[in-house]
Amino acid sequence: HRAKTIAREREREREDAMKTFAATATEFRRYHSNSFNVALHLVTTPVAMASAMAMLETRWGAASARGAFWAYAAATMATNASEGVKVATTVAWAMIARAAGAMCASGMTMWGMMGVFAAAYAGQEAAHAATGEKTYQASYMKFTNWPALLVEHTFYLLPLCLDAVMHMDESFLSWIVAHNYVVRGKLTSAEDRAAMKTIERFVTEEDPDRSCTAHWWHTRLAPKEKDAFTHIAHSAPVEKMFAERFRPDAWVVKPVYGMNEIYVASSHHNNNSDTVFYMEHIDGPWAVYPFCFLYRCMLAVNENVKVETIFTQEGSGGCLSDGDVVGFDFHREIHVIADRPVANPDRRITMKLHYCVYPKCFGPFGEALLHLSVMYNTVARKLFLNTIKPTGFWRFMAFMVLAVTNGAFLVSKYAGINNIASVAAIYAAGKYIHPYFFFAVTSYTHYCMYIATYHVREGINFGMFKRNVMFWKSLALTHLGLTYLKHFEFDIVSIAMIVCGYGLSTAATVALGIDQTYFGVELGKVKPNFVHGFPYNVVPHPMIIGSMVGLLGFHKMAGFRAALPYALPVH
């Protein structure tokens, strides 16, 4: 019986070797669903192939190497891959051949080429480690015919990587989308409710002053209350709400005990630090920290029907009550609390839970955001406590807290700290790349955001999307306006086209409203508003036509056209 089982396994392994491309691609996709992993493969795979071709060319001459290379390329084209994959593969082959020729022409040694090949191979392994996806190669190394499967894998590798682009969990376009990062859950189990009851009894026994907020830090709680707090921080509903937003195999979600606290609200606030909560605000300063998040989770310990927590850009809000928990980005999400005209049964008790969320591959870099956030929170906490009931100097500091909070909110609402940082980085890079690099990159970003958001559609933070596209569109129009003035030549037709074109487009925006103008209907955020008045009753598609006329007005002026002949056609 064992001999027959082994024989069947060997027969299956022989059948598995040299499958069709379509069959291999189906297996390959299971190990390449993360867009970041696929993106790195689109770099490392061509680099490895270019260095391999360069080594062949160095060893056996250009004619032999290129003949073998193009024979291999032709063989991959004979597979049953889709036509789109075949076209993409052909283009990629041509680029690889050009890169290999450049390596040889540069005088790179054989050892240097081998080093590039090794780095590319290691880069592929690192990509899998970084994203938590197992390698396809590891899936078949247990079979006795693994050499044949490795040959098959290598033979198909380039088209396999290109095919994976069309089957990722999230497309590359999602990288520039304004995602909704607010997460929600509810604690309902007997164990979770017992822990919440422990916290509630603790606050009741402490009986803090009701005229201002009260705070107890997790690190200073007695063992019983600390254990209850820790249980809630690791409860299944909290872990689930993060797992639904961040893949557990690719992201770290680490509790930040140094920021956790029990918080009791107060209805009294008069130009002190408690007033901050009733202003639209963001909590932390590290919005520019890339690809990492510091989450604050507000968990309602008892019943609350009075105090609403509102996320103005996300467009949601409500009273957190009796086990409800909501998590948001401490450094980026604009929020505010507001009182309903009703009374709570008792004081509102909440727990502030904090988690640092970062890609596993970031390691110490992601961990650094945790420490930076704790440092900031420690300083801010001391300032906050001193300005709850301010006198003398601390009254001035309370005013400064409110002023700085409002300033940070305004920047975040109308520009976005990330957007400002991106513009600065692009400008700095342009100094070393090309004089028109900054102009080119920042002039068309809003179009990319339109396309990406319309493509993704689900889970969009609509307020943040509108802010982002209006910021980048304004920058693009500023470029056009400054260039027009710099090279100005009086042209009445050009001026009339700009004024009338953008006037028509603006009238269409006013008629539709900002939300509907920026895909509110398509994204399911607003109901359709069918406009029958001006300018829609006069000109078909006035927003598109108006923008085109206005852009052509810039291009009409000879000085502008001579300075930037390709800018407007690209628009």
Protein backbone atom coordinates (compact mmCIF):
# COMPACT_ATOMS: atom_id res chain seq x y z
CA HIS A 1 0.00 0.00 0.00
CA ARG A 2 2.82 2.41 0.87
CA ALA A 3 4.57 1.62 -2.42
CA LYS A 4 1.38 2.39 -4.35
CA THR A 5 0.92 5.67 -2.47
CA ILE A 6 4.50 6.73 -3.27
CA ALA A 7 4.01 5.74 -6.91
CA ARG A 8 0.85 7.88 -7.15
CA GLU A 9 2.68 10.84 -5.59
CA ARG A 10 5.55 10.45 -8.08
CA GLU A 11 3.06 10.29 -10.96
CA ARG A 12 1.31 13.44 -9.70
CA GLU A 13 4.65 15.23 -9.41
CA ARG A 14 5.50 14.30 -13.00
CA GLU A 15 2.12 15.66 -14.10
CA ASP A 16 2.74 18.86 -12.13
CA ALA A 17 6.02 19.55 -13.93
CA MET A 18 5.88 21.85 -16.98
CA LYS A 19 2.22 22.74 -16.64
CA THR A 20 0.67 25.30 -18.96
CA PHE A 21 1.31 28.95 -18.19
CA ALA A 22 -2.29 29.45 -17.09
CA ALA A 23 -2.07 26.60 -14.57
CA THR A 24 1.25 27.86 -13.20
CA ALA A 25 -0.06 31.43 -13.01
CA THR A 26 -3.02 30.30 -10.92
CA GLU A 27 -0.60 28.84 -8.35
CA PHE A 28 1.80 31.78 -8.57
CA ARG A 29 -0.93 34.33 -7.79
CA ARG A 30 -1.57 32.73 -4.38
CA TYR A 31 1.90 33.84 -3.31
CA HIS A 32 1.84 37.25 -5.00
CA SER A 33 -1.39 39.00 -3.98
CA ASN A 34 0.23 41.92 -2.12
CA SER A 35 0.74 44.94 -4.36
CA PHE A 36 3.99 45.94 -2.63
CA ASN A 37 5.40 42.45 -3.15
CA VAL A 38 4.43 42.49 -6.82
CA ALA A 39 5.89 45.98 -7.29
CA LEU A 40 9.25 44.84 -5.92
CA HIS A 41 9.16 41.79 -8.22
CA LEU A 42 8.62 44.09 -11.20
CA VAL A 43 11.97 45.64 -10.29
CA THR A 44 14.01 42.66 -9.12
CA THR A 45 12.97 40.22 -11.87
CA PRO A 46 13.99 42.42 -14.84
CA VAL A 47 17.20 43.44 -13.03
CA ALA A 48 18.13 39.79 -12.46
CA MET A 49 17.40 38.93 -16.10
CA ALA A 50 19.34 41.93 -17.41
CA SER A 51 22.37 41.03 -15.29
CA ALA A 52 22.13 37.38 -16.43
CA MET A 53 22.05 38.47 -20.09
CA ALA A 54 24.97 40.85 -19.50
CA MET A 55 27.01 38.00 -18.01
CA LEU A 56 26.27 35.79 -21.03
CA GLU A 57 27.21 38.61 -23.37
CA THR A 58 30.47 39.23 -21.49
CA ARG A 59 31.36 35.52 -21.51
CA TRP A 60 30.25 34.41 -25.00
CA GLY A 61 29.82 37.60 -27.00
CA ALA A 62 26.88 39.77 -27.91
CA ALA A 63 25.60 37.72 -30.87
CA SER A 64 25.40 34.42 -28.97
CA ALA A 65 23.91 35.97 -25.85
CA ARG A 66 21.28 37.96 -27.68
CA GLY A 67 20.37 35.01 -29.90
CA ALA A 68 19.80 32.80 -26.87
CA PHE A 69 17.94 35.58 -25.08
CA TRP A 70 15.50 36.26 -27.91
CA ALA A 71 14.96 32.53 -28.50
CA TYR A 72 13.97 32.28 -24.83
CA ALA A 73 11.72 35.33 -25.21
CA ALA A 74 10.05 33.81 -28.28
CA ALA A 75 9.45 30.56 -26.38
CA THR A 76 7.64 32.38 -23.58
CA MET A 77 5.48 34.09 -26.18
CA ALA A 78 4.28 30.67 -27.35
CA THR A 79 2.57 30.03 -24.02
CA ASN A 80 -1.18 30.29 -23.42
CA ALA A 81 -0.82 33.58 -21.56
CA SER A 82 -3.32 36.33 -22.34
CA GLU A 83 -2.60 38.72 -25.17
CA GLY A 84 -2.14 41.57 -22.74
CA VAL A 85 0.50 39.64 -20.79
CA LYS A 86 2.28 38.75 -24.04
CA VAL A 87 2.41 42.38 -25.16
CA ALA A 88 3.65 43.52 -21.74
CA THR A 89 6.26 40.74 -21.72
CA THR A 90 7.53 41.74 -25.18
CA VAL A 91 7.99 45.35 -24.04
CA ALA A 92 9.72 44.15 -20.89
CA TRP A 93 12.09 41.92 -22.88
CA ALA A 94 13.11 44.88 -25.05
CA MET A 95 13.83 47.00 -21.95
CA ILE A 96 15.81 44.16 -20.37
CA ALA A 97 17.93 43.75 -23.51
CA ARG A 98 18.65 47.48 -23.53
CA ALA A 99 19.59 47.41 -19.83
CA ALA A 100 21.92 44.45 -20.39
CA GLY A 101 23.64 46.31 -23.21
CA ALA A 102 24.06 49.34 -20.96
CA MET A 103 25.68 47.17 -18.27
CA CYS A 104 28.21 45.82 -20.76
CA ALA A 105 28.89 49.25 -22.24
CA SER A 106 29.51 50.70 -18.79
CA GLY A 107 32.51 48.44 -18.30
CA MET A 108 30.96 46.54 -15.40
CA THR A 109 32.99 43.45 -14.49
CA MET A 110 31.68 39.90 -14.35
CA TRP A 111 31.86 40.06 -10.55
CA GLY A 112 29.82 43.25 -10.57
CA MET A 113 27.14 41.64 -12.73
CA MET A 114 27.06 38.62 -10.44
CA GLY A 115 26.63 40.98 -7.51
CA VAL A 116 23.67 42.69 -9.20
CA PHE A 117 22.10 39.29 -9.92
CA ALA A 118 22.56 38.17 -6.31
CA ALA A 119 21.11 41.44 -4.99
CA ALA A 120 18.06 41.08 -7.23
CA TYR A 121 17.49 37.50 -6.07
CA ALA A 122 17.88 38.54 -2.44
CA GLY A 123 15.50 41.43 -3.12
CA GLN A 124 12.79 39.00 -4.17
CA GLU A 125 13.23 37.02 -0.97
CA ALA A 126 13.16 40.26 1.02
CA ALA A 127 9.94 41.30 -0.74
CA HIS A 128 8.21 38.15 0.48
CA ALA A 129 9.60 38.56 3.98
CA ALA A 130 8.51 42.19 4.05
CA THR A 131 4.92 41.47 3.03
CA GLY A 132 4.47 38.20 4.91
CA GLU A 133 3.76 36.20 1.75
CA LYS A 134 5.41 32.81 1.32
CA THR A 135 7.49 32.27 -1.81
CA TYR A 136 6.16 30.19 -4.68
CA GLN A 137 9.45 28.31 -4.76
CA ALA A 138 8.98 27.18 -1.15
CA SER A 139 5.66 25.59 -2.09
CA TYR A 140 7.25 22.91 -4.29
CA MET A 141 10.69 22.33 -2.79
CA LYS A 142 9.31 19.36 -0.79
CA PHE A 143 8.68 17.40 -3.99
CA THR A 144 11.30 15.10 -5.48
CA ASN A 145 10.86 16.73 -8.88
CA TRP A 146 11.55 20.22 -7.55
CA PRO A 147 14.35 20.81 -10.11
CA ALA A 148 11.83 20.47 -12.95
CA LEU A 149 9.36 22.74 -11.16
CA LEU A 150 12.13 25.29 -10.58
CA VAL A 151 12.92 25.27 -14.32
CA GLU A 152 9.23 25.80 -15.07
CA HIS A 153 9.08 28.63 -12.51
CA THR A 154 12.16 30.32 -13.99
CA PHE A 155 10.97 29.87 -17.57
CA TYR A 156 7.65 31.57 -16.88
CA LEU A 157 8.91 34.08 -14.29
CA LEU A 158 8.65 37.38 -16.18
CA PRO A 159 5.14 36.84 -17.60
CA LEU A 160 4.09 35.41 -14.22
CA CYS A 161 5.06 38.68 -12.51
CA LEU A 162 3.19 40.71 -15.13
CA ASP A 163 0.14 38.46 -14.82
CA ALA A 164 0.15 38.93 -11.03
CA VAL A 165 -0.37 42.68 -11.53
CA MET A 166 -3.91 41.99 -12.76
CA HIS A 167 -4.79 39.70 -9.84
CA MET A 168 -3.53 41.53 -6.74
CA ASP A 169 -5.76 42.10 -3.72
CA GLU A 170 -5.28 45.86 -4.19
CA SER A 171 -3.98 47.59 -7.29
CA PHE A 172 -1.06 49.99 -7.37
CA LEU A 173 -3.64 52.76 -7.79
CA SER A 174 -4.78 52.18 -4.22
CA TRP A 175 -1.46 53.61 -3.01
CA ILE A 176 -2.59 57.19 -3.73
CA VAL A 177 -6.21 56.78 -2.64
CA ALA A 178 -7.54 58.56 0.46
CA HIS A 179 -8.55 55.41 2.34
CA ASN A 180 -10.91 55.41 5.27
CA TYR A 181 -8.80 54.27 8.23
CA VAL A 182 -11.47 54.58 10.93
CA VAL A 183 -12.19 51.15 12.48
CA ARG A 184 -15.09 50.11 14.70
CA GLY A 185 -16.12 47.28 17.00
CA LYS A 186 -18.17 46.41 20.07
CA LEU A 187 -17.35 44.44 23.22
CA THR A 188 -20.19 42.08 24.15
CA SER A 189 -18.74 38.94 25.78
CA ALA A 190 -19.17 38.24 29.49
CA GLU A 191 -15.39 38.46 30.08
CA ASP A 192 -15.12 41.82 28.31
CA ARG A 193 -18.12 43.24 30.18
CA ALA A 194 -16.73 42.07 33.51
CA ALA A 195 -13.49 43.93 32.76
CA MET A 196 -15.45 47.06 31.81
CA LYS A 197 -17.45 46.78 35.04
CA THR A 198 -14.18 46.70 36.99
CA ILE A 199 -13.15 49.97 35.38
CA GLU A 200 -16.55 51.54 36.00
CA ARG A 201 -16.52 50.57 39.71
CA PHE A 202 -13.00 52.01 40.04
CA VAL A 203 -14.10 55.40 38.68
CA THR A 204 -17.22 55.41 40.86
CA GLU A 205 -15.15 54.75 43.97
CA GLU A 206 -12.62 57.44 43.01
CA ASP A 207 -15.50 59.92 42.50
CA PRO A 208 -13.47 62.60 40.64
CA ASP A 209 -14.40 66.27 40.42
CA ARG A 210 -17.27 66.64 37.92
CA SER A 211 -16.30 70.19 36.94
CA CYS A 212 -13.39 69.04 34.77
CA THR A 213 -12.14 65.92 33.02
CA ALA A 214 -10.34 63.20 34.97
CA HIS A 215 -7.54 60.89 33.85
CA TRP A 216 -5.87 57.74 35.20
CA TRP A 217 -2.88 56.38 33.28
CA HIS A 218 -2.68 52.64 32.66
CA THR A 219 0.85 52.40 34.01
CA ARG A 220 -0.25 53.77 37.41
CA LEU A 221 -3.35 51.62 37.97
CA ALA A 222 -3.59 49.07 40.75
CA PRO A 223 -3.11 45.42 39.66
CA LYS A 224 -6.84 44.60 39.49
CA GLU A 225 -7.72 47.59 37.31
CA LYS A 226 -4.55 47.22 35.24
CA ASP A 227 -5.41 43.58 34.49
CA ALA A 228 -8.93 44.58 33.43
CA PHE A 229 -7.52 47.33 31.20
CA THR A 230 -4.99 44.94 29.64
CA HIS A 231 -7.71 42.36 28.99
CA ILE A 232 -9.76 44.92 27.09
CA ALA A 233 -6.72 46.11 25.12
CA HIS A 234 -6.25 42.54 23.85
CA SER A 235 -9.94 41.64 23.51
CA ALA A 236 -11.14 39.76 20.43
CA PRO A 237 -13.38 42.56 19.05
CA VAL A 238 -10.49 45.04 19.16
CA GLU A 239 -8.12 42.60 17.45
CA LYS A 240 -10.80 41.78 14.87
CA MET A 241 -11.45 45.38 13.85
CA PHE A 242 -7.73 45.84 13.15
CA ALA A 243 -7.44 42.51 11.34
CA GLU A 244 -10.28 43.51 8.99
CA ARG A 245 -8.41 46.68 8.01
CA PHE A 246 -4.78 45.49 8.15
CA ARG A 247 -3.76 42.01 6.99
CA PRO A 248 -2.31 40.20 10.03
CA ASP A 249 0.32 38.47 7.88
CA ALA A 250 1.71 41.82 6.69
CA TRP A 251 1.07 44.31 9.50
CA VAL A 252 2.10 44.65 13.13
CA VAL A 253 -0.53 45.93 15.58
CA LYS A 254 1.26 46.66 18.84
CA PRO A 255 -0.38 48.09 21.99
CA VAL A 256 1.13 51.32 23.30
CA TYR A 257 0.68 51.09 27.06
CA GLY A 258 2.54 54.34 27.72
CA MET A 259 -0.36 56.34 26.22
CA ASN A 260 -3.33 54.35 27.55
CA GLU A 261 -5.66 55.94 30.08
CA ILE A 262 -9.08 55.94 31.69
CA TYR A 263 -10.85 59.18 30.83
CA VAL A 264 -13.93 60.73 32.41
CA ALA A 265 -15.63 63.53 30.51
CA SER A 266 -16.97 66.77 31.89
CA SER A 267 -19.65 69.08 30.54
CA HIS A 268 -17.75 72.12 31.85
CA HIS A 269 -15.21 73.69 29.51
CA ASN A 270 -14.37 77.36 29.26
CA ASN A 271 -11.20 78.30 27.39
CA ASN A 272 -9.18 75.61 29.11
CA SER A 273 -7.57 72.50 27.66
CA ASP A 274 -10.89 70.61 27.89
CA THR A 275 -12.18 73.01 25.21
CA VAL A 276 -9.87 71.27 22.71
CA PHE A 277 -12.19 68.29 22.54
CA TYR A 278 -15.07 70.52 21.40
CA MET A 279 -12.95 71.94 18.54
CA GLU A 280 -12.22 70.12 15.31
CA HIS A 281 -8.68 68.84 15.85
CA ILE A 282 -6.05 66.19 15.26
CA ASP A 283 -4.34 64.70 18.29
CA GLY A 284 -0.70 64.25 17.27
CA PRO A 285 2.07 65.94 15.26
CA TRP A 286 3.58 63.04 13.29
CA ALA A 287 1.30 63.05 10.24
CA VAL A 288 4.32 63.04 7.90
CA TYR A 289 5.57 59.69 9.23
CA PRO A 290 5.12 57.47 6.14
CA PHE A 291 3.16 54.21 5.92
CA CYS A 292 2.77 53.86 9.71
CA PHE A 293 -0.13 54.68 12.02
CA LEU A 294 -0.64 55.42 15.69
CA TYR A 295 -4.22 54.53 16.53
CA ARG A 296 -6.27 55.95 19.35
CA CYS A 297 -9.29 53.81 20.21
CA MET A 298 -12.10 55.32 22.27
CA LEU A 299 -14.04 52.64 24.15
CA ALA A 300 -17.26 53.50 25.97
CA VAL A 301 -17.32 51.83 29.38
CA ASN A 302 -20.87 52.82 30.30
CA GLU A 303 -24.05 54.18 28.75
CA ASN A 304 -23.74 57.48 26.87
CA VAL A 305 -26.54 59.25 25.01
CA LYS A 306 -25.21 62.81 25.22
CA VAL A 307 -21.65 63.10 23.83
CA GLU A 308 -21.12 62.43 20.12
CA THR A 309 -17.74 61.62 18.58
CA ILE A 310 -17.70 62.99 15.02
CA PHE A 311 -15.17 62.39 12.22
CA THR A 312 -15.74 65.35 9.94
CA GLN A 313 -13.71 64.23 6.92
CA GLU A 314 -14.85 60.63 7.08
CA GLY A 315 -18.41 61.90 7.44
CA SER A 316 -19.63 59.79 10.36
CA GLY A 317 -20.36 60.19 14.03
CA GLY A 318 -22.55 59.21 16.95
CA CYS A 319 -22.61 58.41 20.64
CA LEU A 320 -20.21 55.69 21.75
CA SER A 321 -22.05 53.73 24.42
CA ASP A 322 -21.73 50.58 26.51
CA GLY A 323 -18.89 48.67 24.81
CA ASP A 324 -18.71 50.58 21.52
CA VAL A 325 -15.16 51.19 20.35
CA VAL A 326 -13.87 53.33 17.49
CA GLY A 327 -10.24 53.61 16.38
CA PHE A 328 -8.72 56.43 14.36
CA ASP A 329 -5.34 57.74 13.27
CA PHE A 330 -4.01 59.79 16.20
CA HIS A 331 -1.82 61.94 13.95
CA ARG A 332 -4.08 62.47 10.93
CA GLU A 333 -7.82 62.02 11.54
CA ILE A 334 -9.81 65.22 12.17
CA HIS A 335 -12.47 64.72 14.84
CA VAL A 336 -14.56 66.62 17.37
CA ILE A 337 -17.02 65.89 20.16
CA ALA A 338 -20.40 67.58 20.52
CA ASP A 339 -23.13 67.49 23.16
CA ARG A 340 -26.69 66.51 22.40
CA PRO A 341 -29.42 68.39 24.32
CA VAL A 342 -30.05 65.44 26.66
CA ALA A 343 -28.61 64.27 29.97
CA ASN A 344 -26.48 61.18 30.51
CA PRO A 345 -27.57 58.67 33.18
CA ASP A 346 -24.17 59.11 34.83
CA ARG A 347 -20.75 60.51 34.04
CA ARG A 348 -19.30 59.38 30.70
CA ILE A 349 -16.44 56.92 31.24
CA THR A 350 -14.20 55.97 28.35
CA MET A 351 -10.93 54.15 27.89
CA LYS A 352 -8.28 55.44 25.50
CA LEU A 353 -6.44 52.51 23.95
CA HIS A 354 -3.49 53.06 21.63
CA TYR A 355 -1.85 50.83 19.03
CA CYS A 356 1.09 51.33 16.69
CA VAL A 357 0.35 49.82 13.27
CA TYR A 358 3.10 49.37 10.71
CA PRO A 359 4.22 46.95 7.97
CA LYS A 360 6.18 44.02 9.39
CA CYS A 361 9.07 44.79 7.08
CA PHE A 362 9.51 48.22 8.67
CA GLY A 363 10.61 46.76 12.01
CA PRO A 364 12.56 49.40 13.97
CA PHE A 365 11.30 52.19 11.70
CA GLY A 366 7.69 51.40 12.57
CA GLU A 367 8.62 50.97 16.23
CA ALA A 368 10.16 54.45 16.21
CA LEU A 369 6.73 56.02 15.62
CA LEU A 370 5.57 54.33 18.82
CA HIS A 371 8.36 55.96 20.84
CA LEU A 372 7.92 59.36 19.19
CA SER A 373 4.20 59.27 19.95
CA VAL A 374 4.76 58.32 23.59
CA MET A 375 7.29 61.14 23.97
CA TYR A 376 4.89 63.68 22.50
CA ASN A 377 1.96 62.37 24.54
CA THR A 378 3.97 62.60 27.78
CA VAL A 379 4.81 66.26 27.16
CA ALA A 380 1.31 67.11 25.94
CA ARG A 381 -0.23 65.34 28.94
CA LYS A 382 1.71 67.53 31.39
CA LEU A 383 0.69 70.66 29.53
CA PHE A 384 -2.91 69.48 29.37
CA LEU A 385 -3.15 68.80 33.10
CA ASN A 386 -1.73 72.22 33.94
CA THR A 387 -4.28 73.97 31.75
CA ILE A 388 -7.47 72.22 32.88
CA LYS A 389 -7.92 74.86 35.60
CA PRO A 390 -5.46 77.52 34.44
CA THR A 391 -4.30 80.52 36.45
CA GLY A 392 -1.62 83.11 35.71
CA PHE A 393 0.95 81.86 33.23
CA TRP A 394 -1.01 78.67 32.58
CA ARG A 395 -3.98 80.70 31.36
CA PHE A 396 -1.73 82.00 28.58
CA MET A 397 -0.57 78.43 27.90
CA ALA A 398 -4.20 77.31 27.68
CA PHE A 399 -4.76 80.00 25.04
CA MET A 400 -1.67 78.73 23.16
CA VAL A 401 -2.95 75.14 23.30
CA LEU A 402 -6.21 76.24 21.68
CA ALA A 403 -4.46 78.44 19.09
CA VAL A 404 -1.96 75.77 18.03
CA THR A 405 -4.70 73.13 17.92
CA ASN A 406 -6.82 75.34 15.68
CA GLY A 407 -3.86 76.14 13.42
CA ALA A 408 -2.96 72.47 13.02
CA PHE A 409 -6.60 71.69 12.25
CA LEU A 410 -6.82 74.36 9.53
CA VAL A 411 -3.64 73.12 7.83
CA SER A 412 -4.86 69.54 7.99
CA LYS A 413 -8.35 70.40 6.74
CA TYR A 414 -7.45 72.59 3.78
CA ALA A 415 -4.03 71.35 2.69
CA GLY A 416 -2.99 68.21 4.55
CA ILE A 417 0.39 67.93 6.23
CA ASN A 418 1.19 64.89 4.07
CA ASN A 419 0.46 66.87 0.91
CA ILE A 420 2.69 69.73 2.01
CA ALA A 421 5.50 67.31 2.88
CA SER A 422 5.10 65.57 -0.49
CA VAL A 423 5.36 68.86 -2.37
CA ALA A 424 8.51 69.74 -0.44
CA ALA A 425 10.06 66.34 -1.16
CA ILE A 426 9.23 66.53 -4.88
CA TYR A 427 10.65 70.04 -5.08
CA ALA A 428 13.88 68.94 -3.39
CA ALA A 429 14.19 65.91 -5.68
CA GLY A 430 13.61 68.11 -8.73
CA LYS A 431 16.70 70.13 -7.86
CA TYR A 432 18.80 67.04 -8.64
CA ILE A 433 16.71 65.39 -11.39
CA HIS A 434 15.45 67.93 -13.94
CA PRO A 435 14.38 71.60 -13.98
CA TYR A 436 10.82 70.63 -14.96
CA PHE A 437 10.53 67.57 -12.67
CA PHE A 438 8.60 69.48 -10.00
CA PHE A 439 6.27 71.01 -12.58
CA ALA A 440 5.60 67.69 -14.32
CA VAL A 441 4.96 65.62 -11.21
CA THR A 442 2.75 68.14 -9.42
CA SER A 443 0.73 69.21 -12.46
CA TYR A 444 -1.00 65.89 -13.08
CA THR A 445 -1.24 64.30 -9.65
CA HIS A 446 -4.91 65.21 -9.22
CA TYR A 447 -5.81 63.33 -12.41
CA CYS A 448 -4.10 60.23 -11.03
CA MET A 449 -6.08 60.60 -7.80
CA TYR A 450 -9.36 60.90 -9.74
CA ILE A 451 -8.61 57.73 -11.69
CA ALA A 452 -7.35 55.78 -8.68
CA THR A 453 -10.30 56.73 -6.46
CA TYR A 454 -12.85 55.96 -9.16
CA HIS A 455 -11.12 52.61 -9.71
CA VAL A 456 -11.04 51.62 -6.02
CA ARG A 457 -14.34 53.25 -4.90
CA GLU A 458 -14.72 51.19 -1.72
CA GLY A 459 -13.55 52.42 1.69
CA ILE A 460 -12.85 56.02 0.63
CA ASN A 461 -12.49 58.88 3.10
CA PHE A 462 -14.53 61.32 1.03
CA GLY A 463 -13.54 64.48 2.89
CA MET A 464 -9.86 63.65 2.64
CA PHE A 465 -10.21 62.79 -1.05
CA LYS A 466 -11.81 66.18 -1.80
CA ARG A 467 -9.12 67.98 0.16
CA ASN A 468 -6.32 66.14 -1.64
CA VAL A 469 -7.57 66.62 -5.19
CA MET A 470 -8.42 70.29 -4.65
CA PHE A 471 -4.96 70.86 -3.17
CA TRP A 472 -3.15 69.27 -6.11
CA LYS A 473 -5.48 70.79 -8.69
CA SER A 474 -4.87 74.24 -7.19
CA LEU A 475 -1.13 73.63 -7.42
CA ALA A 476 -1.47 72.60 -11.07
CA LEU A 477 -3.46 75.73 -11.92
CA THR A 478 -0.93 77.83 -10.02
CA HIS A 479 1.82 76.42 -12.25
CA LEU A 480 -0.18 77.37 -15.34
CA GLY A 481 -0.95 80.85 -14.04
CA LEU A 482 2.62 81.66 -13.03
CA THR A 483 4.00 80.40 -16.34
CA TYR A 484 1.38 82.44 -18.22
CA LEU A 485 2.35 85.62 -16.35
CA LYS A 486 6.07 84.95 -16.71
CA HIS A 487 5.82 84.70 -20.50
CA PHE A 488 2.88 87.05 -20.93
CA GLU A 489 2.10 88.51 -24.34
CA PHE A 490 -1.16 90.36 -24.75
CA ASP A 491 -3.61 88.08 -26.55
CA ILE A 492 -7.27 89.02 -26.16
CA VAL A 493 -8.50 85.69 -27.50
CA SER A 494 -6.34 83.78 -25.04
CA ILE A 495 -7.56 85.88 -22.11
CA ALA A 496 -11.20 85.54 -23.20
CA MET A 497 -10.86 81.75 -23.49
CA ILE A 498 -9.39 81.46 -19.98
CA VAL A 499 -12.00 83.72 -18.39
CA CYS A 500 -14.99 82.23 -20.20
CA GLY A 501 -13.75 78.63 -19.94
CA TYR A 502 -13.07 78.64 -16.23
CA GLY A 503 -16.10 80.83 -15.61
CA LEU A 504 -18.28 78.19 -17.27
CA SER A 505 -16.59 75.40 -15.31
CA THR A 506 -17.04 77.29 -12.04
CA ALA A 507 -20.73 77.90 -12.78
CA ALA A 508 -21.17 74.17 -13.35
CA THR A 509 -19.46 73.41 -10.04
CA VAL A 510 -21.73 75.84 -8.20
CA ALA A 511 -24.80 74.28 -9.82
CA LEU A 512 -23.77 70.72 -8.93
CA GLY A 513 -22.19 71.41 -5.56
CA ILE A 514 -18.71 70.39 -4.43
CA ASP A 515 -19.71 66.90 -3.29
CA GLN A 516 -21.32 65.95 -6.59
CA THR A 517 -18.52 67.58 -8.58
CA TYR A 518 -15.97 65.33 -6.91
CA PHE A 519 -17.63 61.93 -7.52
CA GLY A 520 -19.93 62.06 -4.50
CA VAL A 521 -22.66 60.20 -6.38
CA GLU A 522 -20.30 57.64 -7.90
CA LEU A 523 -18.75 56.93 -4.50
CA GLY A 524 -22.17 56.59 -2.88
CA LYS A 525 -21.70 59.61 -0.60
CA VAL A 526 -24.56 61.81 -1.87
CA LYS A 527 -27.79 61.32 -3.77
CA PRO A 528 -27.89 62.53 -7.39
CA ASN A 529 -28.91 66.15 -7.86
CA PHE A 530 -30.21 66.52 -11.40
CA VAL A 531 -29.54 70.09 -12.52
CA HIS A 532 -31.75 71.57 -15.22
CA GLY A 533 -30.74 75.22 -14.91
CA PHE A 534 -27.72 77.22 -16.09
CA PRO A 535 -25.22 76.26 -17.41
CA TYR A 536 -26.52 72.74 -18.05
CA ASN A 537 -29.53 74.05 -19.98
CA VAL A 538 -27.23 75.99 -22.29
CA VAL A 539 -24.04 73.95 -22.80
CA PRO A 540 -23.71 70.15 -22.70
CA HIS A 541 -21.11 68.94 -20.18
CA PRO A 542 -20.19 72.52 -19.18
CA MET A 543 -17.60 71.52 -16.60
CA ILE A 544 -15.56 69.48 -19.08
CA ILE A 545 -16.01 71.91 -21.96
CA GLY A 546 -15.23 74.90 -19.75
CA SER A 547 -12.02 73.34 -18.44
CA MET A 548 -10.90 72.39 -21.96
CA VAL A 549 -11.56 75.90 -23.27
CA GLY A 550 -9.68 77.43 -20.34
CA LEU A 551 -6.68 75.13 -20.82
CA LEU A 552 -6.62 75.86 -24.54
CA GLY A 553 -6.68 79.54 -23.64
CA PHE A 554 -3.34 79.12 -21.88
CA HIS A 555 -1.97 77.24 -24.89
CA LYS A 556 -3.25 79.91 -27.27
CA MET A 557 -0.73 82.48 -26.01
CA ALA A 558 2.50 82.13 -28.02
CA GLY A 559 4.82 82.80 -25.07
CA PHE A 560 3.25 80.07 -22.96
CA ARG A 561 3.19 77.64 -25.89
CA ALA A 562 6.88 78.24 -26.59
CA ALA A 563 7.87 77.78 -22.94
CA LEU A 564 5.81 74.63 -22.29
CA PRO A 565 4.74 73.12 -25.61
CA TYR A 566 3.69 69.76 -24.10
CA ALA A 567 2.11 70.88 -20.81
CA LEU A 568 -1.40 71.53 -22.12
CA PRO A 569 -1.66 68.53 -24.49
CA VAL A 570 -0.87 66.28 -21.52
CA HIS A 571 -3.61 67.97 -19.49
